[in-house]
């Protein structure tokens, strides 16, 4: 059971390391500017 626990911990550490690397890559991507508000399109009346 101790060896199995160590194998599981190794997987957990790897998962955590990959998650941190993923978050760091996302943090490096510049955030887009504020979106322009959508204007309501003028609809044509039936007449």
ModelCIF file with pLDDT and N, C-alpha, C, O atoms, coordinates in Angstrom:
data_MODEL
#
_entry.id   MODEL 
#
_entity.id                         1 
_entity.type                       polymer 
_entity.pdbx_number_of_molecules   1 
#
_entity_poly.entity_id                      1 
_entity_poly.type                           'polypeptide(L)' 
_entity_poly.nstd_linkage                   no 
_entity_poly.nstd_monomer                   no 
_entity_poly.pdbx_seq_one_letter_code       
;(UNK)(UNK)(UNK)(UNK)(UNK)(UNK)(UNK)(UNK)(UNK)(UNK)(UNK)(UNK)(UNK)(UNK)(UNK)(UNK)
(UNK)(UNK)(UNK)(UNK)(UNK)(UNK)(UNK)(UNK)(UNK)(UNK)(UNK)(UNK)(UNK)(UNK)(UNK)(UNK)
(UNK)(UNK)(UNK)(UNK)(UNK)(UNK)(UNK)(UNK)(UNK)(UNK)(UNK)(UNK)(UNK)(UNK)(UNK)
;
_entity_poly.pdbx_seq_one_letter_code_can   XXXXXXXXXXXXXXXXXXXXXXXXXXXXXXXXXXXXXXXXXXXXXXX 
_entity_poly.pdbx_strand_id                 A 
#
loop_
_entity_poly_seq.entity_id 
_entity_poly_seq.num 
_entity_poly_seq.mon_id 
_entity_poly_seq.hetero 
1 1  UNK n 
1 2  UNK n 
1 3  UNK n 
1 4  UNK n 
1 5  UNK n 
1 6  UNK n 
1 7  UNK n 
1 8  UNK n 
1 9  UNK n 
1 10 UNK n 
1 11 UNK n 
1 12 UNK n 
1 13 UNK n 
1 14 UNK n 
1 15 UNK n 
1 16 UNK n 
1 17 UNK n 
1 18 UNK n 
1 19 UNK n 
1 20 UNK n 
1 21 UNK n 
1 22 UNK n 
1 23 UNK n 
1 24 UNK n 
1 25 UNK n 
1 26 UNK n 
1 27 UNK n 
1 28 UNK n 
1 29 UNK n 
1 30 UNK n 
1 31 UNK n 
1 32 UNK n 
1 33 UNK n 
1 34 UNK n 
1 35 UNK n 
1 36 UNK n 
1 37 UNK n 
1 38 UNK n 
1 39 UNK n 
1 40 UNK n 
1 41 UNK n 
1 42 UNK n 
1 43 UNK n 
1 44 UNK n 
1 45 UNK n 
1 46 UNK n 
1 47 UNK n 
#
_struct_asym.id          A 
_struct_asym.entity_id   1 
#
loop_
_ma_qa_metric.id 
_ma_qa_metric.mode 
_ma_qa_metric.name 
_ma_qa_metric.software_group_id 
_ma_qa_metric.type 
1 global pLDDT . pLDDT 
2 local  pLDDT . pLDDT 
#
_ma_qa_metric_global.metric_id      1 
_ma_qa_metric_global.metric_value   84.81 
_ma_qa_metric_global.model_id       1 
_ma_qa_metric_global.ordinal_id     1 
#
loop_
_ma_qa_metric_local.label_asym_id 
_ma_qa_metric_local.label_comp_id 
_ma_qa_metric_local.label_seq_id 
_ma_qa_metric_local.metric_id 
_ma_qa_metric_local.metric_value 
_ma_qa_metric_local.model_id 
_ma_qa_metric_local.ordinal_id 
A UNK 1  2 84.00 1 1  
A UNK 2  2 88.00 1 2  
A UNK 3  2 86.00 1 3  
A UNK 4  2 83.00 1 4  
A UNK 5  2 86.00 1 5  
A UNK 6  2 85.00 1 6  
A UNK 7  2 83.00 1 7  
A UNK 8  2 83.00 1 8  
A UNK 9  2 86.00 1 9  
A UNK 10 2 85.00 1 10 
A UNK 11 2 85.00 1 11 
A UNK 12 2 86.00 1 12 
A UNK 13 2 88.00 1 13 
A UNK 14 2 88.00 1 14 
A UNK 15 2 89.00 1 15 
A UNK 16 2 89.00 1 16 
A UNK 17 2 90.00 1 17 
A UNK 18 2 90.00 1 18 
A UNK 19 2 91.00 1 19 
A UNK 20 2 90.00 1 20 
A UNK 21 2 91.00 1 21 
A UNK 22 2 90.00 1 22 
A UNK 23 2 89.00 1 23 
A UNK 24 2 88.00 1 24 
A UNK 25 2 85.00 1 25 
A UNK 26 2 83.00 1 26 
A UNK 27 2 81.00 1 27 
A UNK 28 2 81.00 1 28 
A UNK 29 2 80.00 1 29 
A UNK 30 2 80.00 1 30 
A UNK 31 2 76.00 1 31 
A UNK 32 2 78.00 1 32 
A UNK 33 2 81.00 1 33 
A UNK 34 2 83.00 1 34 
A UNK 35 2 82.00 1 35 
A UNK 36 2 82.00 1 36 
A UNK 37 2 83.00 1 37 
A UNK 38 2 80.00 1 38 
A UNK 39 2 80.00 1 39 
A UNK 40 2 79.00 1 40 
A UNK 41 2 79.00 1 41 
A UNK 42 2 81.00 1 42 
A UNK 43 2 84.00 1 43 
A UNK 44 2 87.00 1 44 
A UNK 45 2 90.00 1 45 
A UNK 46 2 89.00 1 46 
A UNK 47 2 89.00 1 47 
#
loop_
_atom_site.group_PDB 
_atom_site.id 
_atom_site.type_symbol 
_atom_site.label_atom_id 
_atom_site.label_alt_id 
_atom_site.label_comp_id 
_atom_site.label_asym_id 
_atom_site.label_entity_id 
_atom_site.label_seq_id 
_atom_site.pdbx_PDB_ins_code 
_atom_site.Cartn_x 
_atom_site.Cartn_y 
_atom_site.Cartn_z 
_atom_site.occupancy 
_atom_site.B_iso_or_equiv 
_atom_site.pdbx_formal_charge 
_atom_site.auth_seq_id 
_atom_site.auth_comp_id 
_atom_site.auth_asym_id 
_atom_site.auth_atom_id 
_atom_site.pdbx_PDB_model_num 
ATOM 1   N N  . UNK A 1 1  ? 0.805   -1.212 0.000   1.00 84.00 ? 1  UNK A N  1 
ATOM 2   C CA . UNK A 1 1  ? 0.000   0.000  0.000   1.00 84.00 ? 1  UNK A CA 1 
ATOM 3   C C  . UNK A 1 1  ? 0.847   1.276  0.000   1.00 84.00 ? 1  UNK A C  1 
ATOM 4   O O  . UNK A 1 1  ? 0.446   2.283  -0.583  1.00 84.00 ? 1  UNK A O  1 
ATOM 5   N N  . UNK A 1 2  ? 2.005   1.241  0.644   1.00 88.00 ? 2  UNK A N  1 
ATOM 6   C CA . UNK A 1 2  ? 2.880   2.410  0.662   1.00 88.00 ? 2  UNK A CA 1 
ATOM 7   C C  . UNK A 1 2  ? 3.403   2.713  -0.743  1.00 88.00 ? 2  UNK A C  1 
ATOM 8   O O  . UNK A 1 2  ? 3.451   3.874  -1.151  1.00 88.00 ? 2  UNK A O  1 
ATOM 9   N N  . UNK A 1 3  ? 3.791   1.681  -1.478  1.00 86.00 ? 3  UNK A N  1 
ATOM 10  C CA . UNK A 1 3  ? 4.283   1.876  -2.836  1.00 86.00 ? 3  UNK A CA 1 
ATOM 11  C C  . UNK A 1 3  ? 3.172   2.419  -3.750  1.00 86.00 ? 3  UNK A C  1 
ATOM 12  O O  . UNK A 1 3  ? 3.410   3.298  -4.578  1.00 86.00 ? 3  UNK A O  1 
ATOM 13  N N  . UNK A 1 4  ? 1.957   1.879  -3.585  1.00 83.00 ? 4  UNK A N  1 
ATOM 14  C CA . UNK A 1 4  ? 0.822   2.372  -4.381  1.00 83.00 ? 4  UNK A CA 1 
ATOM 15  C C  . UNK A 1 4  ? 0.530   3.831  -4.047  1.00 83.00 ? 4  UNK A C  1 
ATOM 16  O O  . UNK A 1 4  ? 0.210   4.621  -4.935  1.00 83.00 ? 4  UNK A O  1 
ATOM 17  N N  . UNK A 1 5  ? 0.640   4.192  -2.758  1.00 86.00 ? 5  UNK A N  1 
ATOM 18  C CA . UNK A 1 5  ? 0.409   5.568  -2.336  1.00 86.00 ? 5  UNK A CA 1 
ATOM 19  C C  . UNK A 1 5  ? 1.446   6.492  -2.981  1.00 86.00 ? 5  UNK A C  1 
ATOM 20  O O  . UNK A 1 5  ? 1.107   7.592  -3.417  1.00 86.00 ? 5  UNK A O  1 
ATOM 21  N N  . UNK A 1 6  ? 2.694   6.054  -3.042  1.00 85.00 ? 6  UNK A N  1 
ATOM 22  C CA . UNK A 1 6  ? 3.744   6.867  -3.667  1.00 85.00 ? 6  UNK A CA 1 
ATOM 23  C C  . UNK A 1 6  ? 3.506   7.045  -5.163  1.00 85.00 ? 6  UNK A C  1 
ATOM 24  O O  . UNK A 1 6  ? 3.751   8.118  -5.716  1.00 85.00 ? 6  UNK A O  1 
ATOM 25  N N  . UNK A 1 7  ? 3.021   5.975  -5.820  1.00 83.00 ? 7  UNK A N  1 
ATOM 26  C CA . UNK A 1 7  ? 2.700   6.078  -7.250  1.00 83.00 ? 7  UNK A CA 1 
ATOM 27  C C  . UNK A 1 7  ? 1.575   7.095  -7.456  1.00 83.00 ? 7  UNK A C  1 
ATOM 28  O O  . UNK A 1 7  ? 1.637   7.920  -8.367  1.00 83.00 ? 7  UNK A O  1 
ATOM 29  N N  . UNK A 1 8  ? 0.555   7.030  -6.613  1.00 83.00 ? 8  UNK A N  1 
ATOM 30  C CA . UNK A 1 8  ? -0.554  7.977  -6.714  1.00 83.00 ? 8  UNK A CA 1 
ATOM 31  C C  . UNK A 1 8  ? -0.110  9.400  -6.438  1.00 83.00 ? 8  UNK A C  1 
ATOM 32  O O  . UNK A 1 8  ? -0.546  10.335 -7.110  1.00 83.00 ? 8  UNK A O  1 
ATOM 33  N N  . UNK A 1 9  ? 0.773   9.567  -5.432  1.00 86.00 ? 9  UNK A N  1 
ATOM 34  C CA . UNK A 1 9  ? 1.269   10.906 -5.109  1.00 86.00 ? 9  UNK A CA 1 
ATOM 35  C C  . UNK A 1 9  ? 2.079   11.465 -6.269  1.00 86.00 ? 9  UNK A C  1 
ATOM 36  O O  . UNK A 1 9  ? 2.011   12.659 -6.561  1.00 86.00 ? 9  UNK A O  1 
ATOM 37  N N  . UNK A 1 10 ? 2.847   10.602 -6.930  1.00 85.00 ? 10 UNK A N  1 
ATOM 38  C CA . UNK A 1 10 ? 3.647   11.051 -8.073  1.00 85.00 ? 10 UNK A CA 1 
ATOM 39  C C  . UNK A 1 10 ? 2.715   11.571 -9.177  1.00 85.00 ? 10 UNK A C  1 
ATOM 40  O O  . UNK A 1 10 ? 2.996   12.587 -9.814  1.00 85.00 ? 10 UNK A O  1 
ATOM 41  N N  . UNK A 1 11 ? 1.615   10.865 -9.387  1.00 85.00 ? 11 UNK A N  1 
ATOM 42  C CA . UNK A 1 11 ? 0.642   11.314 -10.386 1.00 85.00 ? 11 UNK A CA 1 
ATOM 43  C C  . UNK A 1 11 ? 0.002   12.622 -9.988  1.00 85.00 ? 11 UNK A C  1 
ATOM 44  O O  . UNK A 1 11 ? -0.227  13.487 -10.834 1.00 85.00 ? 11 UNK A O  1 
ATOM 45  N N  . UNK A 1 12 ? -0.291  12.777 -8.700  1.00 86.00 ? 12 UNK A N  1 
ATOM 46  C CA . UNK A 1 12 ? -0.891  14.018 -8.224  1.00 86.00 ? 12 UNK A CA 1 
ATOM 47  C C  . UNK A 1 12 ? 0.056   15.193 -8.362  1.00 86.00 ? 12 UNK A C  1 
ATOM 48  O O  . UNK A 1 12 ? -0.359  16.292 -8.729  1.00 86.00 ? 12 UNK A O  1 
ATOM 49  N N  . UNK A 1 13 ? 1.341   14.962 -8.066  1.00 88.00 ? 13 UNK A N  1 
ATOM 50  C CA . UNK A 1 13 ? 2.331   16.028 -8.219  1.00 88.00 ? 13 UNK A CA 1 
ATOM 51  C C  . UNK A 1 13 ? 2.469   16.429 -9.685  1.00 88.00 ? 13 UNK A C  1 
ATOM 52  O O  . UNK A 1 13 ? 2.577   17.611 -10.011 1.00 88.00 ? 13 UNK A O  1 
ATOM 53  N N  . UNK A 1 14 ? 2.462   15.430 -10.558 1.00 88.00 ? 14 UNK A N  1 
ATOM 54  C CA . UNK A 1 14 ? 2.565   15.710 -11.992 1.00 88.00 ? 14 UNK A CA 1 
ATOM 55  C C  . UNK A 1 14 ? 1.356   16.496 -12.469 1.00 88.00 ? 14 UNK A C  1 
ATOM 56  O O  . UNK A 1 14 ? 1.490   17.449 -13.237 1.00 88.00 ? 14 UNK A O  1 
ATOM 57  N N  . UNK A 1 15 ? 0.176   16.097 -12.015 1.00 89.00 ? 15 UNK A N  1 
ATOM 58  C CA . UNK A 1 15 ? -1.040  16.804 -12.388 1.00 89.00 ? 15 UNK A CA 1 
ATOM 59  C C  . UNK A 1 15 ? -0.972  18.254 -11.918 1.00 89.00 ? 15 UNK A C  1 
ATOM 60  O O  . UNK A 1 15 ? -1.295  19.169 -12.676 1.00 89.00 ? 15 UNK A O  1 
ATOM 61  N N  . UNK A 1 16 ? -0.555  18.466 -10.677 1.00 89.00 ? 16 UNK A N  1 
ATOM 62  C CA . UNK A 1 16 ? -0.438  19.826 -10.143 1.00 89.00 ? 16 UNK A CA 1 
ATOM 63  C C  . UNK A 1 16 ? 0.579   20.653 -10.904 1.00 89.00 ? 16 UNK A C  1 
ATOM 64  O O  . UNK A 1 16 ? 0.342   21.830 -11.177 1.00 89.00 ? 16 UNK A O  1 
ATOM 65  N N  . UNK A 1 17 ? 1.702   20.055 -11.247 1.00 90.00 ? 17 UNK A N  1 
ATOM 66  C CA . UNK A 1 17 ? 2.732   20.771 -12.002 1.00 90.00 ? 17 UNK A CA 1 
ATOM 67  C C  . UNK A 1 17 ? 2.193   21.172 -13.381 1.00 90.00 ? 17 UNK A C  1 
ATOM 68  O O  . UNK A 1 17 ? 2.436   22.285 -13.846 1.00 90.00 ? 17 UNK A O  1 
ATOM 69  N N  . UNK A 1 18 ? 1.468   20.270 -14.024 1.00 90.00 ? 18 UNK A N  1 
ATOM 70  C CA . UNK A 1 18 ? 0.887   20.578 -15.335 1.00 90.00 ? 18 UNK A CA 1 
ATOM 71  C C  . UNK A 1 18 ? -0.165  21.683 -15.226 1.00 90.00 ? 18 UNK A C  1 
ATOM 72  O O  . UNK A 1 18 ? -0.250  22.559 -16.087 1.00 90.00 ? 18 UNK A O  1 
ATOM 73  N N  . UNK A 1 19 ? -0.963  21.631 -14.160 1.00 91.00 ? 19 UNK A N  1 
ATOM 74  C CA . UNK A 1 19 ? -1.981  22.682 -13.962 1.00 91.00 ? 19 UNK A CA 1 
ATOM 75  C C  . UNK A 1 19 ? -1.320  24.044 -13.764 1.00 91.00 ? 19 UNK A C  1 
ATOM 76  O O  . UNK A 1 19 ? -1.756  25.038 -14.344 1.00 91.00 ? 19 UNK A O  1 
ATOM 77  N N  . UNK A 1 20 ? -0.266  24.090 -12.943 1.00 90.00 ? 20 UNK A N  1 
ATOM 78  C CA . UNK A 1 20 ? 0.427   25.364 -12.723 1.00 90.00 ? 20 UNK A CA 1 
ATOM 79  C C  . UNK A 1 20 ? 1.038   25.888 -14.006 1.00 90.00 ? 20 UNK A C  1 
ATOM 80  O O  . UNK A 1 20 ? 0.991   27.090 -14.269 1.00 90.00 ? 20 UNK A O  1 
ATOM 81  N N  . UNK A 1 21 ? 1.616   24.998 -14.814 1.00 91.00 ? 21 UNK A N  1 
ATOM 82  C CA . UNK A 1 21 ? 2.204   25.409 -16.088 1.00 91.00 ? 21 UNK A CA 1 
ATOM 83  C C  . UNK A 1 21 ? 1.126   25.936 -17.026 1.00 91.00 ? 21 UNK A C  1 
ATOM 84  O O  . UNK A 1 21 ? 1.339   26.921 -17.734 1.00 91.00 ? 21 UNK A O  1 
ATOM 85  N N  . UNK A 1 22 ? -0.033  25.279 -17.030 1.00 90.00 ? 22 UNK A N  1 
ATOM 86  C CA . UNK A 1 22 ? -1.137  25.713 -17.876 1.00 90.00 ? 22 UNK A CA 1 
ATOM 87  C C  . UNK A 1 22 ? -1.621  27.104 -17.459 1.00 90.00 ? 22 UNK A C  1 
ATOM 88  O O  . UNK A 1 22 ? -1.864  27.968 -18.301 1.00 90.00 ? 22 UNK A O  1 
ATOM 89  N N  . UNK A 1 23 ? -1.755  27.303 -16.148 1.00 89.00 ? 23 UNK A N  1 
ATOM 90  C CA . UNK A 1 23 ? -2.198  28.613 -15.645 1.00 89.00 ? 23 UNK A CA 1 
ATOM 91  C C  . UNK A 1 23 ? -1.186  29.703 -15.984 1.00 89.00 ? 23 UNK A C  1 
ATOM 92  O O  . UNK A 1 23 ? -1.571  30.823 -16.320 1.00 89.00 ? 23 UNK A O  1 
ATOM 93  N N  . UNK A 1 24 ? 0.107   29.384 -15.899 1.00 88.00 ? 24 UNK A N  1 
ATOM 94  C CA . UNK A 1 24 ? 1.151   30.367 -16.204 1.00 88.00 ? 24 UNK A CA 1 
ATOM 95  C C  . UNK A 1 24 ? 1.098   30.748 -17.680 1.00 88.00 ? 24 UNK A C  1 
ATOM 96  O O  . UNK A 1 24 ? 1.283   31.916 -18.022 1.00 88.00 ? 24 UNK A O  1 
ATOM 97  N N  . UNK A 1 25 ? 0.848   29.773 -18.562 1.00 85.00 ? 25 UNK A N  1 
ATOM 98  C CA . UNK A 1 25 ? 0.744   30.080 -19.987 1.00 85.00 ? 25 UNK A CA 1 
ATOM 99  C C  . UNK A 1 25 ? -0.459  30.962 -20.261 1.00 85.00 ? 25 UNK A C  1 
ATOM 100 O O  . UNK A 1 25 ? -0.383  31.868 -21.090 1.00 85.00 ? 25 UNK A O  1 
ATOM 101 N N  . UNK A 1 26 ? -1.571  30.710 -19.576 1.00 83.00 ? 26 UNK A N  1 
ATOM 102 C CA . UNK A 1 26 ? -2.772  31.522 -19.767 1.00 83.00 ? 26 UNK A CA 1 
ATOM 103 C C  . UNK A 1 26 ? -2.520  32.932 -19.248 1.00 83.00 ? 26 UNK A C  1 
ATOM 104 O O  . UNK A 1 26 ? -3.005  33.903 -19.830 1.00 83.00 ? 26 UNK A O  1 
ATOM 105 N N  . UNK A 1 27 ? -1.761  33.052 -18.149 1.00 81.00 ? 27 UNK A N  1 
ATOM 106 C CA . UNK A 1 27 ? -1.482  34.367 -17.587 1.00 81.00 ? 27 UNK A CA 1 
ATOM 107 C C  . UNK A 1 27 ? -0.611  35.203 -18.521 1.00 81.00 ? 27 UNK A C  1 
ATOM 108 O O  . UNK A 1 27 ? -0.678  36.431 -18.477 1.00 81.00 ? 27 UNK A O  1 
ATOM 109 N N  . UNK A 1 28 ? 0.200   34.570 -19.360 1.00 81.00 ? 28 UNK A N  1 
ATOM 110 C CA . UNK A 1 28 ? 1.068   35.298 -20.279 1.00 81.00 ? 28 UNK A CA 1 
ATOM 111 C C  . UNK A 1 28 ? 0.316   35.851 -21.487 1.00 81.00 ? 28 UNK A C  1 
ATOM 112 O O  . UNK A 1 28 ? 0.780   36.786 -22.139 1.00 81.00 ? 28 UNK A O  1 
ATOM 113 N N  . UNK A 1 29 ? -0.839  35.274 -21.780 1.00 80.00 ? 29 UNK A N  1 
ATOM 114 C CA . UNK A 1 29 ? -1.627  35.740 -22.925 1.00 80.00 ? 29 UNK A CA 1 
ATOM 115 C C  . UNK A 1 29 ? -2.244  37.085 -22.561 1.00 80.00 ? 29 UNK A C  1 
ATOM 116 O O  . UNK A 1 29 ? -2.897  37.207 -21.525 1.00 80.00 ? 29 UNK A O  1 
ATOM 117 N N  . UNK A 1 30 ? -2.042  38.104 -23.411 1.00 80.00 ? 30 UNK A N  1 
ATOM 118 C CA . UNK A 1 30 ? -2.625  39.409 -23.078 1.00 80.00 ? 30 UNK A CA 1 
ATOM 119 C C  . UNK A 1 30 ? -4.151  39.343 -23.103 1.00 80.00 ? 30 UNK A C  1 
ATOM 120 O O  . UNK A 1 30 ? -4.751  38.703 -23.967 1.00 80.00 ? 30 UNK A O  1 
ATOM 121 N N  . UNK A 1 31 ? -4.752  40.013 -22.146 1.00 76.00 ? 31 UNK A N  1 
ATOM 122 C CA . UNK A 1 31 ? -6.210  40.009 -22.069 1.00 76.00 ? 31 UNK A CA 1 
ATOM 123 C C  . UNK A 1 31 ? -6.757  40.977 -23.108 1.00 76.00 ? 31 UNK A C  1 
ATOM 124 O O  . UNK A 1 31 ? -6.199  42.058 -23.298 1.00 76.00 ? 31 UNK A O  1 
ATOM 125 N N  . UNK A 1 32 ? -7.825  40.612 -23.773 1.00 78.00 ? 32 UNK A N  1 
ATOM 126 C CA . UNK A 1 32 ? -8.402  41.512 -24.773 1.00 78.00 ? 32 UNK A CA 1 
ATOM 127 C C  . UNK A 1 32 ? -9.022  42.732 -24.094 1.00 78.00 ? 32 UNK A C  1 
ATOM 128 O O  . UNK A 1 32 ? -9.416  42.681 -22.929 1.00 78.00 ? 32 UNK A O  1 
ATOM 129 N N  . UNK A 1 33 ? -9.100  43.826 -24.849 1.00 81.00 ? 33 UNK A N  1 
ATOM 130 C CA . UNK A 1 33 ? -9.690  45.052 -24.321 1.00 81.00 ? 33 UNK A CA 1 
ATOM 131 C C  . UNK A 1 33 ? -11.177 44.873 -24.093 1.00 81.00 ? 33 UNK A C  1 
ATOM 132 O O  . UNK A 1 33 ? -11.751 43.844 -24.449 1.00 81.00 ? 33 UNK A O  1 
ATOM 133 N N  . UNK A 1 34 ? -11.791 45.872 -23.503 1.00 83.00 ? 34 UNK A N  1 
ATOM 134 C CA . UNK A 1 34 ? -13.234 45.759 -23.251 1.00 83.00 ? 34 UNK A CA 1 
ATOM 135 C C  . UNK A 1 34 ? -14.010 45.670 -24.561 1.00 83.00 ? 34 UNK A C  1 
ATOM 136 O O  . UNK A 1 34 ? -13.699 46.355 -25.536 1.00 83.00 ? 34 UNK A O  1 
ATOM 137 N N  . UNK A 1 35 ? -14.993 44.839 -24.559 1.00 82.00 ? 35 UNK A N  1 
ATOM 138 C CA . UNK A 1 35 ? -15.800 44.633 -25.757 1.00 82.00 ? 35 UNK A CA 1 
ATOM 139 C C  . UNK A 1 35 ? -16.703 45.836 -25.985 1.00 82.00 ? 35 UNK A C  1 
ATOM 140 O O  . UNK A 1 35 ? -17.204 46.442 -25.038 1.00 82.00 ? 35 UNK A O  1 
ATOM 141 N N  . UNK A 1 36 ? -16.899 46.167 -27.232 1.00 82.00 ? 36 UNK A N  1 
ATOM 142 C CA . UNK A 1 36 ? -17.791 47.272 -27.575 1.00 82.00 ? 36 UNK A CA 1 
ATOM 143 C C  . UNK A 1 36 ? -19.227 46.816 -27.324 1.00 82.00 ? 36 UNK A C  1 
ATOM 144 O O  . UNK A 1 36 ? -19.579 45.677 -27.634 1.00 82.00 ? 36 UNK A O  1 
ATOM 145 N N  . UNK A 1 37 ? -20.045 47.682 -26.776 1.00 83.00 ? 37 UNK A N  1 
ATOM 146 C CA . UNK A 1 37 ? -21.437 47.278 -26.532 1.00 83.00 ? 37 UNK A CA 1 
ATOM 147 C C  . UNK A 1 37 ? -22.164 47.042 -27.854 1.00 83.00 ? 37 UNK A C  1 
ATOM 148 O O  . UNK A 1 37 ? -21.967 47.768 -28.828 1.00 83.00 ? 37 UNK A O  1 
ATOM 149 N N  . UNK A 1 38 ? -22.990 46.032 -27.865 1.00 80.00 ? 38 UNK A N  1 
ATOM 150 C CA . UNK A 1 38 ? -23.740 45.710 -29.067 1.00 80.00 ? 38 UNK A CA 1 
ATOM 151 C C  . UNK A 1 38 ? -24.874 46.711 -29.247 1.00 80.00 ? 38 UNK A C  1 
ATOM 152 O O  . UNK A 1 38 ? -25.602 47.034 -28.309 1.00 80.00 ? 38 UNK A O  1 
ATOM 153 N N  . UNK A 1 39 ? -24.998 47.188 -30.476 1.00 80.00 ? 39 UNK A N  1 
ATOM 154 C CA . UNK A 1 39 ? -26.109 48.092 -30.768 1.00 80.00 ? 39 UNK A CA 1 
ATOM 155 C C  . UNK A 1 39 ? -27.284 47.265 -31.270 1.00 80.00 ? 39 UNK A C  1 
ATOM 156 O O  . UNK A 1 39 ? -27.104 46.277 -31.983 1.00 80.00 ? 39 UNK A O  1 
ATOM 157 N N  . UNK A 1 40 ? -28.448 47.665 -30.904 1.00 79.00 ? 40 UNK A N  1 
ATOM 158 C CA . UNK A 1 40 ? -29.631 46.965 -31.382 1.00 79.00 ? 40 UNK A CA 1 
ATOM 159 C C  . UNK A 1 40 ? -29.824 47.305 -32.857 1.00 79.00 ? 40 UNK A C  1 
ATOM 160 O O  . UNK A 1 40 ? -29.870 48.476 -33.235 1.00 79.00 ? 40 UNK A O  1 
ATOM 161 N N  . UNK A 1 41 ? -29.936 46.272 -33.680 1.00 79.00 ? 41 UNK A N  1 
ATOM 162 C CA . UNK A 1 41 ? -30.135 46.493 -35.105 1.00 79.00 ? 41 UNK A CA 1 
ATOM 163 C C  . UNK A 1 41 ? -31.544 47.014 -35.337 1.00 79.00 ? 41 UNK A C  1 
ATOM 164 O O  . UNK A 1 41 ? -32.503 46.565 -34.711 1.00 79.00 ? 41 UNK A O  1 
ATOM 165 N N  . UNK A 1 42 ? -31.647 47.970 -36.249 1.00 81.00 ? 42 UNK A N  1 
ATOM 166 C CA . UNK A 1 42 ? -32.965 48.534 -36.546 1.00 81.00 ? 42 UNK A CA 1 
ATOM 167 C C  . UNK A 1 42 ? -33.752 47.491 -37.320 1.00 81.00 ? 42 UNK A C  1 
ATOM 168 O O  . UNK A 1 42 ? -33.284 46.974 -38.334 1.00 81.00 ? 42 UNK A O  1 
ATOM 169 N N  . UNK A 1 43 ? -34.937 47.187 -36.842 1.00 84.00 ? 43 UNK A N  1 
ATOM 170 C CA . UNK A 1 43 ? -35.764 46.203 -37.526 1.00 84.00 ? 43 UNK A CA 1 
ATOM 171 C C  . UNK A 1 43 ? -36.751 46.926 -38.433 1.00 84.00 ? 43 UNK A C  1 
ATOM 172 O O  . UNK A 1 43 ? -37.200 48.036 -38.144 1.00 84.00 ? 43 UNK A O  1 
ATOM 173 N N  . UNK A 1 44 ? -37.068 46.275 -39.516 1.00 87.00 ? 44 UNK A N  1 
ATOM 174 C CA . UNK A 1 44 ? -37.979 46.844 -40.490 1.00 87.00 ? 44 UNK A CA 1 
ATOM 175 C C  . UNK A 1 44 ? -39.406 46.506 -40.082 1.00 87.00 ? 44 UNK A C  1 
ATOM 176 O O  . UNK A 1 44 ? -39.706 45.372 -39.707 1.00 87.00 ? 44 UNK A O  1 
ATOM 177 N N  . UNK A 1 45 ? -40.275 47.498 -40.160 1.00 90.00 ? 45 UNK A N  1 
ATOM 178 C CA . UNK A 1 45 ? -41.666 47.233 -39.795 1.00 90.00 ? 45 UNK A CA 1 
ATOM 179 C C  . UNK A 1 45 ? -42.348 46.492 -40.945 1.00 90.00 ? 45 UNK A C  1 
ATOM 180 O O  . UNK A 1 45 ? -41.839 46.462 -42.066 1.00 90.00 ? 45 UNK A O  1 
ATOM 181 N N  . UNK A 1 46 ? -43.489 45.903 -40.659 1.00 89.00 ? 46 UNK A N  1 
ATOM 182 C CA . UNK A 1 46 ? -44.227 45.160 -41.668 1.00 89.00 ? 46 UNK A CA 1 
ATOM 183 C C  . UNK A 1 46 ? -44.677 46.075 -42.791 1.00 89.00 ? 46 UNK A C  1 
ATOM 184 O O  . UNK A 1 46 ? -44.586 45.718 -43.965 1.00 89.00 ? 46 UNK A O  1 
ATOM 185 N N  . UNK A 1 47 ? -45.165 47.262 -42.429 1.00 89.00 ? 47 UNK A N  1 
ATOM 186 C CA . UNK A 1 47 ? -45.640 48.210 -43.441 1.00 89.00 ? 47 UNK A CA 1 
ATOM 187 C C  . UNK A 1 47 ? -44.489 48.637 -44.353 1.00 89.00 ? 47 UNK A C  1 
ATOM 188 O O  . UNK A 1 47 ? -44.691 49.435 -45.269 1.00 89.00 ? 47 UNK A O  1 
#
